[in-house]
PDB file of N, CA and C in Angstrom:
ATOM      1  N   UNK A   1      21.638  -1.275   4.224  1.00  0.00           N
ATOM      2  CA  UNK A   1      20.649  -0.223   4.058  1.00  0.00           C
ATOM      3  C   UNK A   1      20.842   0.469   2.710  1.00  0.00           C
ATOM      4  N   UNK A   2      19.745   0.733   2.028  1.00  0.00           N
ATOM      5  CA  UNK A   2      19.816   1.387   0.734  1.00  0.00           C
ATOM      6  C   UNK A   2      20.177   2.862   0.868  1.00  0.00           C
ATOM      7  N   UNK A   3      20.915   3.356  -0.131  1.00  0.00           N
ATOM      8  CA  UNK A   3      21.230   4.776  -0.213  1.00  0.00           C
ATOM      9  C   UNK A   3      20.533   5.359  -1.433  1.00  0.00           C
ATOM     10  N   UNK A   4      20.171   6.620  -1.336  1.00  0.00           N
ATOM     11  CA  UNK A   4      19.528   7.289  -2.457  1.00  0.00           C
ATOM     12  C   UNK A   4      20.523   7.422  -3.618  1.00  0.00           C
ATOM     13  N   UNK A   5      19.980   7.322  -4.829  1.00  0.00           N
ATOM     14  CA  UNK A   5      20.765   7.465  -6.047  1.00  0.00           C
ATOM     15  C   UNK A   5      20.216   8.669  -6.801  1.00  0.00           C
ATOM     16  N   UNK A   6      21.096   9.528  -7.253  1.00  0.00           N
ATOM     17  CA  UNK A   6      20.681  10.766  -7.912  1.00  0.00           C
ATOM     18  C   UNK A   6      20.077  10.504  -9.294  1.00  0.00           C
ATOM     19  N   UNK A   7      19.152  11.374  -9.648  1.00  0.00           N
ATOM     20  CA  UNK A   7      18.517  11.342 -10.966  1.00  0.00           C
ATOM     21  C   UNK A   7      19.558  11.371 -12.083  1.00  0.00           C
ATOM     22  N   UNK A   8      20.530  12.269 -11.995  1.00  0.00           N
ATOM     23  CA  UNK A   8      21.532  12.392 -13.062  1.00  0.00           C
ATOM     24  C   UNK A   8      22.331  11.103 -13.225  1.00  0.00           C
ATOM     25  N   UNK A   9      22.520  10.362 -12.135  1.00  0.00           N
ATOM     26  CA  UNK A   9      23.279   9.105 -12.212  1.00  0.00           C
ATOM     27  C   UNK A   9      22.484   8.006 -12.905  1.00  0.00           C
ATOM     28  N   UNK A  10      21.200   7.893 -12.601  1.00  0.00           N
ATOM     29  CA  UNK A  10      20.432   6.835 -13.274  1.00  0.00           C
ATOM     30  C   UNK A  10      20.247   7.147 -14.757  1.00  0.00           C
ATOM     31  N   UNK A  11      20.095   8.420 -15.079  1.00  0.00           N
ATOM     32  CA  UNK A  11      19.941   8.777 -16.488  1.00  0.00           C
ATOM     33  C   UNK A  11      21.241   8.520 -17.254  1.00  0.00           C
ATOM     34  N   UNK A  12      22.384   8.748 -16.605  1.00  0.00           N
ATOM     35  CA  UNK A  12      23.674   8.472 -17.236  1.00  0.00           C
ATOM     36  C   UNK A  12      23.861   6.972 -17.479  1.00  0.00           C
ATOM     37  N   UNK A  13      23.171   6.135 -16.717  1.00  0.00           N
ATOM     38  CA  UNK A  13      23.251   4.679 -16.880  1.00  0.00           C
ATOM     39  C   UNK A  13      22.238   4.149 -17.891  1.00  0.00           C
ATOM     40  N   UNK A  14      21.485   5.045 -18.505  1.00  0.00           N
ATOM     41  CA  UNK A  14      20.581   4.628 -19.570  1.00  0.00           C
ATOM     42  C   UNK A  14      19.156   4.320 -19.160  1.00  0.00           C
ATOM     43  N   UNK A  15      18.723   4.790 -18.007  1.00  0.00           N
ATOM     44  CA  UNK A  15      17.328   4.621 -17.619  1.00  0.00           C
ATOM     45  C   UNK A  15      16.449   5.454 -18.546  1.00  0.00           C
ATOM     46  N   UNK A  16      15.224   5.005 -18.748  1.00  0.00           N
ATOM     47  CA  UNK A  16      14.271   5.772 -19.545  1.00  0.00           C
ATOM     48  C   UNK A  16      13.148   6.271 -18.634  1.00  0.00           C
ATOM     49  N   UNK A  17      12.538   7.370 -19.023  1.00  0.00           N
ATOM     50  CA  UNK A  17      11.462   7.978 -18.250  1.00  0.00           C
ATOM     51  C   UNK A  17      10.152   7.853 -19.019  1.00  0.00           C
ATOM     52  N   UNK A  18       9.102   7.494 -18.294  1.00  0.00           N
ATOM     53  CA  UNK A  18       7.767   7.370 -18.883  1.00  0.00           C
ATOM     54  C   UNK A  18       6.766   8.059 -17.966  1.00  0.00           C
ATOM     55  N   UNK A  19       5.918   8.893 -18.542  1.00  0.00           N
ATOM     56  CA  UNK A  19       4.913   9.600 -17.757  1.00  0.00           C
ATOM     57  C   UNK A  19       3.932   8.605 -17.160  1.00  0.00           C
ATOM     58  N   UNK A  20       3.699   8.738 -15.839  1.00  0.00           N
ATOM     59  CA  UNK A  20       2.809   7.823 -15.135  1.00  0.00           C
ATOM     60  C   UNK A  20       1.348   8.217 -15.167  1.00  0.00           C
ATOM     61  N   UNK A  21       1.010   9.404 -15.635  1.00  0.00           N
ATOM     62  CA  UNK A  21      -0.376   9.879 -15.751  1.00  0.00           C
ATOM     63  C   UNK A  21      -1.141   9.695 -14.437  1.00  0.00           C
ATOM     64  N   UNK A  22      -0.611  10.228 -13.355  1.00  0.00           N
ATOM     65  CA  UNK A  22      -1.249  10.100 -12.044  1.00  0.00           C
ATOM     66  C   UNK A  22      -1.575  11.498 -11.511  1.00  0.00           C
ATOM     67  N   UNK A  23      -2.784  11.939 -11.744  1.00  0.00           N
ATOM     68  CA  UNK A  23      -3.190  13.289 -11.349  1.00  0.00           C
ATOM     69  C   UNK A  23      -3.213  13.452  -9.831  1.00  0.00           C
ATOM     70  N   UNK A  24      -3.554  12.403  -9.103  1.00  0.00           N
ATOM     71  CA  UNK A  24      -3.578  12.474  -7.641  1.00  0.00           C
ATOM     72  C   UNK A  24      -2.170  12.739  -7.117  1.00  0.00           C
ATOM     73  N   UNK A  25      -1.187  12.004  -7.629  1.00  0.00           N
ATOM     74  CA  UNK A  25       0.205  12.217  -7.234  1.00  0.00           C
ATOM     75  C   UNK A  25       0.621  13.654  -7.519  1.00  0.00           C
ATOM     76  N   UNK A  26       0.304  14.126  -8.721  1.00  0.00           N
ATOM     77  CA  UNK A  26       0.684  15.490  -9.111  1.00  0.00           C
ATOM     78  C   UNK A  26       0.014  16.537  -8.223  1.00  0.00           C
ATOM     79  N   UNK A  27      -1.234  16.317  -7.850  1.00  0.00           N
ATOM     80  CA  UNK A  27      -1.930  17.258  -6.967  1.00  0.00           C
ATOM     81  C   UNK A  27      -1.283  17.304  -5.588  1.00  0.00           C
ATOM     82  N   UNK A  28      -0.785  16.183  -5.113  1.00  0.00           N
ATOM     83  CA  UNK A  28      -0.164  16.116  -3.791  1.00  0.00           C
ATOM     84  C   UNK A  28       1.253  16.688  -3.805  1.00  0.00           C
ATOM     85  N   UNK A  29       2.052  16.279  -4.802  1.00  0.00           N
ATOM     86  CA  UNK A  29       3.485  16.610  -4.816  1.00  0.00           C
ATOM     87  C   UNK A  29       3.843  17.847  -5.639  1.00  0.00           C
ATOM     88  N   UNK A  30       2.974  18.241  -6.543  1.00  0.00           N
ATOM     89  CA  UNK A  30       3.234  19.427  -7.339  1.00  0.00           C
ATOM     90  C   UNK A  30       4.057  19.183  -8.588  1.00  0.00           C
ATOM     91  N   UNK A  31       4.312  17.927  -8.907  1.00  0.00           N
ATOM     92  CA  UNK A  31       5.015  17.576 -10.146  1.00  0.00           C
ATOM     93  C   UNK A  31       4.473  16.238 -10.637  1.00  0.00           C
ATOM     94  N   UNK A  32       4.567  15.969 -11.938  1.00  0.00           N
ATOM     95  CA  UNK A  32       4.000  14.731 -12.482  1.00  0.00           C
ATOM     96  C   UNK A  32       4.787  13.492 -12.053  1.00  0.00           C
ATOM     97  N   UNK A  33       4.074  12.398 -11.915  1.00  0.00           N
ATOM     98  CA  UNK A  33       4.685  11.119 -11.577  1.00  0.00           C
ATOM     99  C   UNK A  33       5.338  10.548 -12.824  1.00  0.00           C
ATOM    100  N   UNK A  34       6.570  10.152 -12.699  1.00  0.00           N
ATOM    101  CA  UNK A  34       7.309   9.581 -13.818  1.00  0.00           C
ATOM    102  C   UNK A  34       7.885   8.242 -13.388  1.00  0.00           C
ATOM    103  N   UNK A  35       7.840   7.274 -14.300  1.00  0.00           N
ATOM    104  CA  UNK A  35       8.373   5.937 -14.044  1.00  0.00           C
ATOM    105  C   UNK A  35       9.735   5.852 -14.720  1.00  0.00           C
ATOM    106  N   UNK A  36      10.775   5.505 -13.939  1.00  0.00           N
ATOM    107  CA  UNK A  36      12.142   5.404 -14.459  1.00  0.00           C
ATOM    108  C   UNK A  36      12.580   3.951 -14.408  1.00  0.00           C
ATOM    109  N   UNK A  37      12.890   3.384 -15.580  1.00  0.00           N
ATOM    110  CA  UNK A  37      13.275   1.978 -15.651  1.00  0.00           C
ATOM    111  C   UNK A  37      14.421   1.750 -16.618  1.00  0.00           C
ATOM    112  N   UNK A  38      15.036   0.592 -16.464  1.00  0.00           N
ATOM    113  CA  UNK A  38      16.042   0.131 -17.420  1.00  0.00           C
ATOM    114  C   UNK A  38      15.877  -1.377 -17.556  1.00  0.00           C
ATOM    115  N   UNK A  39      15.571  -1.837 -18.763  1.00  0.00           N
ATOM    116  CA  UNK A  39      15.442  -3.269 -19.022  1.00  0.00           C
ATOM    117  C   UNK A  39      16.838  -3.873 -19.163  1.00  0.00           C
ATOM    118  N   UNK A  40      17.076  -4.956 -18.435  1.00  0.00           N
ATOM    119  CA  UNK A  40      18.349  -5.658 -18.518  1.00  0.00           C
ATOM    120  C   UNK A  40      18.224  -6.933 -19.339  1.00  0.00           C
ATOM    121  N   UNK A  41      17.075  -7.559 -19.245  1.00  0.00           N
ATOM    122  CA  UNK A  41      16.759  -8.799 -19.958  1.00  0.00           C
ATOM    123  C   UNK A  41      15.233  -8.882 -19.995  1.00  0.00           C
ATOM    124  N   UNK A  42      14.679  -9.805 -20.772  1.00  0.00           N
ATOM    125  CA  UNK A  42      13.216  -9.880 -20.840  1.00  0.00           C
ATOM    126  C   UNK A  42      12.523 -10.064 -19.484  1.00  0.00           C
ATOM    127  N   UNK A  43      13.213 -10.651 -18.518  1.00  0.00           N
ATOM    128  CA  UNK A  43      12.593 -10.873 -17.209  1.00  0.00           C
ATOM    129  C   UNK A  43      13.286 -10.111 -16.079  1.00  0.00           C
ATOM    130  N   UNK A  44      14.170  -9.182 -16.409  1.00  0.00           N
ATOM    131  CA  UNK A  44      14.879  -8.387 -15.394  1.00  0.00           C
ATOM    132  C   UNK A  44      14.808  -6.911 -15.744  1.00  0.00           C
ATOM    133  N   UNK A  45      14.394  -6.100 -14.760  1.00  0.00           N
ATOM    134  CA  UNK A  45      14.248  -4.672 -14.987  1.00  0.00           C
ATOM    135  C   UNK A  45      14.683  -3.911 -13.736  1.00  0.00           C
ATOM    136  N   UNK A  46      15.383  -2.811 -13.934  1.00  0.00           N
ATOM    137  CA  UNK A  46      15.712  -1.911 -12.833  1.00  0.00           C
ATOM    138  C   UNK A  46      14.632  -0.844 -12.756  1.00  0.00           C
ATOM    139  N   UNK A  47      14.233  -0.513 -11.532  1.00  0.00           N
ATOM    140  CA  UNK A  47      13.183   0.475 -11.303  1.00  0.00           C
ATOM    141  C   UNK A  47      13.693   1.472 -10.266  1.00  0.00           C
ATOM    142  N   UNK A  48      13.666   2.762 -10.605  1.00  0.00           N
ATOM    143  CA  UNK A  48      14.106   3.827  -9.704  1.00  0.00           C
ATOM    144  C   UNK A  48      12.881   4.635  -9.299  1.00  0.00           C
ATOM    145  N   UNK A  49      12.673   4.774  -7.999  1.00  0.00           N
ATOM    146  CA  UNK A  49      11.502   5.480  -7.482  1.00  0.00           C
ATOM    147  C   UNK A  49      11.795   6.982  -7.387  1.00  0.00           C
ATOM    148  N   UNK A  50      10.975   7.752  -8.046  1.00  0.00           N
ATOM    149  CA  UNK A  50      11.152   9.202  -8.139  1.00  0.00           C
ATOM    150  C   UNK A  50      11.129   9.883  -6.774  1.00  0.00           C
ATOM    151  N   UNK A  51      10.245   9.483  -5.897  1.00  0.00           N
ATOM    152  CA  UNK A  51      10.108  10.186  -4.623  1.00  0.00           C
ATOM    153  C   UNK A  51      11.144   9.759  -3.587  1.00  0.00           C
ATOM    154  N   UNK A  52      11.513   8.476  -3.574  1.00  0.00           N
ATOM    155  CA  UNK A  52      12.479   7.987  -2.578  1.00  0.00           C
ATOM    156  C   UNK A  52      13.913   8.009  -3.097  1.00  0.00           C
ATOM    157  N   UNK A  53      14.073   8.020  -4.417  1.00  0.00           N
ATOM    158  CA  UNK A  53      15.374   7.933  -5.100  1.00  0.00           C
ATOM    159  C   UNK A  53      16.093   6.620  -4.765  1.00  0.00           C
ATOM    160  N   UNK A  54      15.305   5.566  -4.511  1.00  0.00           N
ATOM    161  CA  UNK A  54      15.860   4.236  -4.272  1.00  0.00           C
ATOM    162  C   UNK A  54      15.599   3.374  -5.500  1.00  0.00           C
ATOM    163  N   UNK A  55      16.449   2.383  -5.702  1.00  0.00           N
ATOM    164  CA  UNK A  55      16.376   1.552  -6.896  1.00  0.00           C
ATOM    165  C   UNK A  55      16.193   0.087  -6.497  1.00  0.00           C
ATOM    166  N   UNK A  56      15.471  -0.645  -7.339  1.00  0.00           N
ATOM    167  CA  UNK A  56      15.264  -2.076  -7.140  1.00  0.00           C
ATOM    168  C   UNK A  56      15.478  -2.815  -8.454  1.00  0.00           C
ATOM    169  N   UNK A  57      15.912  -4.056  -8.343  1.00  0.00           N
ATOM    170  CA  UNK A  57      15.946  -4.971  -9.474  1.00  0.00           C
ATOM    171  C   UNK A  57      14.670  -5.790  -9.395  1.00  0.00           C
ATOM    172  N   UNK A  58      13.866  -5.750 -10.444  1.00  0.00           N
ATOM    173  CA  UNK A  58      12.608  -6.480 -10.470  1.00  0.00           C
ATOM    174  C   UNK A  58      12.769  -7.727 -11.323  1.00  0.00           C
ATOM    175  N   UNK A  59      12.354  -8.868 -10.764  1.00  0.00           N
ATOM    176  CA  UNK A  59      12.334 -10.120 -11.508  1.00  0.00           C
ATOM    177  C   UNK A  59      10.894 -10.319 -11.968  1.00  0.00           C
ATOM    178  N   UNK A  60      10.711 -10.414 -13.279  1.00  0.00           N
ATOM    179  CA  UNK A  60       9.386 -10.480 -13.884  1.00  0.00           C
ATOM    180  C   UNK A  60       9.073 -11.924 -14.279  1.00  0.00           C
ATOM    181  N   UNK A  61       7.869 -12.379 -13.930  1.00  0.00           N
ATOM    182  CA  UNK A  61       7.439 -13.722 -14.355  1.00  0.00           C
ATOM    183  C   UNK A  61       7.114 -13.676 -15.838  1.00  0.00           C
ATOM    184  N   UNK A  62       7.751 -14.527 -16.641  1.00  0.00           N
ATOM    185  CA  UNK A  62       7.497 -14.492 -18.085  1.00  0.00           C
ATOM    186  C   UNK A  62       6.078 -14.919 -18.466  1.00  0.00           C
ATOM    187  N   UNK A  63       5.440 -15.735 -17.626  1.00  0.00           N
ATOM    188  CA  UNK A  63       4.106 -16.233 -17.965  1.00  0.00           C
ATOM    189  C   UNK A  63       3.057 -15.124 -18.022  1.00  0.00           C
ATOM    190  N   UNK A  64       3.165 -14.160 -17.089  1.00  0.00           N
ATOM    191  CA  UNK A  64       2.104 -13.158 -17.004  1.00  0.00           C
ATOM    192  C   UNK A  64       2.607 -11.722 -16.871  1.00  0.00           C
ATOM    193  N   UNK A  65       3.918 -11.525 -16.780  1.00  0.00           N
ATOM    194  CA  UNK A  65       4.471 -10.183 -16.686  1.00  0.00           C
ATOM    195  C   UNK A  65       4.411  -9.561 -15.305  1.00  0.00           C
ATOM    196  N   UNK A  66       3.948 -10.305 -14.306  1.00  0.00           N
ATOM    197  CA  UNK A  66       3.874  -9.778 -12.949  1.00  0.00           C
ATOM    198  C   UNK A  66       5.238  -9.817 -12.268  1.00  0.00           C
ATOM    199  N   UNK A  67       5.418  -8.958 -11.297  1.00  0.00           N
ATOM    200  CA  UNK A  67       6.675  -8.918 -10.541  1.00  0.00           C
ATOM    201  C   UNK A  67       6.733 -10.130  -9.621  1.00  0.00           C
ATOM    202  N   UNK A  68       7.772 -10.932  -9.771  1.00  0.00           N
ATOM    203  CA  UNK A  68       7.979 -12.131  -8.972  1.00  0.00           C
ATOM    204  C   UNK A  68       8.791 -11.822  -7.717  1.00  0.00           C
ATOM    205  N   UNK A  69       9.787 -10.927  -7.873  1.00  0.00           N
ATOM    206  CA  UNK A  69      10.655 -10.587  -6.739  1.00  0.00           C
ATOM    207  C   UNK A  69      11.215  -9.184  -6.915  1.00  0.00           C
ATOM    208  N   UNK A  70      11.441  -8.513  -5.786  1.00  0.00           N
ATOM    209  CA  UNK A  70      12.065  -7.189  -5.749  1.00  0.00           C
ATOM    210  C   UNK A  70      13.362  -7.307  -4.965  1.00  0.00           C
ATOM    211  N   UNK A  71      14.474  -6.902  -5.585  1.00  0.00           N
ATOM    212  CA  UNK A  71      15.776  -6.975  -4.937  1.00  0.00           C
ATOM    213  C   UNK A  71      16.306  -5.554  -4.781  1.00  0.00           C
ATOM    214  N   UNK A  72      16.487  -5.090  -3.555  1.00  0.00           N
ATOM    215  CA  UNK A  72      16.967  -3.720  -3.338  1.00  0.00           C
ATOM    216  C   UNK A  72      18.388  -3.522  -3.865  1.00  0.00           C
ATOM    217  N   UNK A  73      18.617  -2.375  -4.497  1.00  0.00           N
ATOM    218  CA  UNK A  73      19.950  -1.971  -4.929  1.00  0.00           C
ATOM    219  C   UNK A  73      20.517  -1.102  -3.809  1.00  0.00           C
ATOM    220  N   UNK A  74      21.694  -1.443  -3.325  1.00  0.00           N
ATOM    221  CA  UNK A  74      22.251  -0.802  -2.130  1.00  0.00           C
ATOM    222  C   UNK A  74      22.648   0.654  -2.380  1.00  0.00           C
ATOM    223  N   UNK A  75      23.373   0.894  -3.471  1.00  0.00           N
ATOM    224  CA  UNK A  75      23.883   2.237  -3.743  1.00  0.00           C
ATOM    225  C   UNK A  75      24.284   2.342  -5.206  1.00  0.00           C
ATOM    226  N   UNK A  76      24.845   3.476  -5.588  1.00  0.00           N
ATOM    227  CA  UNK A  76      25.237   3.693  -6.981  1.00  0.00           C
ATOM    228  C   UNK A  76      26.285   2.687  -7.436  1.00  0.00           C
ATOM    229  N   UNK A  77      27.243   2.355  -6.595  1.00  0.00           N
ATOM    230  CA  UNK A  77      28.289   1.389  -6.980  1.00  0.00           C
ATOM    231  C   UNK A  77      27.667   0.022  -7.276  1.00  0.00           C
ATOM    232  N   UNK A  78      26.730  -0.405  -6.460  1.00  0.00           N
ATOM    233  CA  UNK A  78      26.021  -1.673  -6.666  1.00  0.00           C
ATOM    234  C   UNK A  78      25.255  -1.635  -7.985  1.00  0.00           C
ATOM    235  N   UNK A  79      24.561  -0.530  -8.241  1.00  0.00           N
ATOM    236  CA  UNK A  79      23.818  -0.359  -9.486  1.00  0.00           C
ATOM    237  C   UNK A  79      24.752  -0.420 -10.688  1.00  0.00           C
ATOM    238  N   UNK A  80      25.888   0.219 -10.594  1.00  0.00           N
ATOM    239  CA  UNK A  80      26.854   0.232 -11.698  1.00  0.00           C
ATOM    240  C   UNK A  80      27.352  -1.177 -12.011  1.00  0.00           C
ATOM    241  N   UNK A  81      27.611  -1.978 -10.992  1.00  0.00           N
ATOM    242  CA  UNK A  81      28.065  -3.365 -11.188  1.00  0.00           C
ATOM    243  C   UNK A  81      27.010  -4.162 -11.951  1.00  0.00           C
ATOM    244  N   UNK A  82      25.751  -3.999 -11.571  1.00  0.00           N
ATOM    245  CA  UNK A  82      24.668  -4.736 -12.233  1.00  0.00           C
ATOM    246  C   UNK A  82      24.515  -4.290 -13.683  1.00  0.00           C
ATOM    247  N   UNK A  83      24.499  -2.993 -13.912  1.00  0.00           N
ATOM    248  CA  UNK A  83      24.363  -2.480 -15.291  1.00  0.00           C
ATOM    249  C   UNK A  83      25.521  -2.943 -16.147  1.00  0.00           C
ATOM    250  N   UNK A  84      26.743  -2.861 -15.628  1.00  0.00           N
ATOM    251  CA  UNK A  84      27.932  -3.295 -16.368  1.00  0.00           C
ATOM    252  C   UNK A  84      27.879  -4.777 -16.707  1.00  0.00           C
ATOM    253  N   UNK A  85      27.401  -5.604 -15.772  1.00  0.00           N
ATOM    254  CA  UNK A  85      27.336  -7.049 -15.994  1.00  0.00           C
ATOM    255  C   UNK A  85      26.404  -7.372 -17.156  1.00  0.00           C
ATOM    256  N   UNK A  86      25.280  -6.669 -17.263  1.00  0.00           N
ATOM    257  CA  UNK A  86      24.338  -6.940 -18.336  1.00  0.00           C
ATOM    258  C   UNK A  86      24.728  -6.249 -19.639  1.00  0.00           C
ATOM    259  N   UNK A  87      25.524  -5.209 -19.569  1.00  0.00           N
ATOM    260  CA  UNK A  87      25.989  -4.515 -20.782  1.00  0.00           C
ATOM    261  C   UNK A  87      26.961  -5.395 -21.562  1.00  0.00           C
ATOM    262  N   UNK A  88      27.649  -6.297 -20.872  1.00  0.00           N
ATOM    263  CA  UNK A  88      28.640  -7.163 -21.501  1.00  0.00           C
ATOM    264  C   UNK A  88      28.009  -8.369 -22.177  1.00  0.00           C
ATOM    265  N   UNK A  89      26.702  -8.575 -22.008  1.00  0.00           N
ATOM    266  CA  UNK A  89      26.017  -9.742 -22.585  1.00  0.00           C
ATOM    267  C   UNK A  89      25.743  -9.552 -24.046  1.00  0.00           C
TER     268      UNK A  89
END
């Protein structure tokens, strides 16, 4: 089962934030939607969901840029192992 990962932890691991420009989300939740990601390779990206605080590894199809597979990140320790593995490349 996945565990929530804190905002401060993903930012310390080098995630970047991008405004999602979703007025409907902002009207419902009272804050702007932000997309938090970290590119590991041209076809691998980590994605952290702002509302659930859960993280996934996304496998991107190089042909069209669509998401091919979503792999859940279990917890902060799991996330750290993945980030460290790609940092050494």
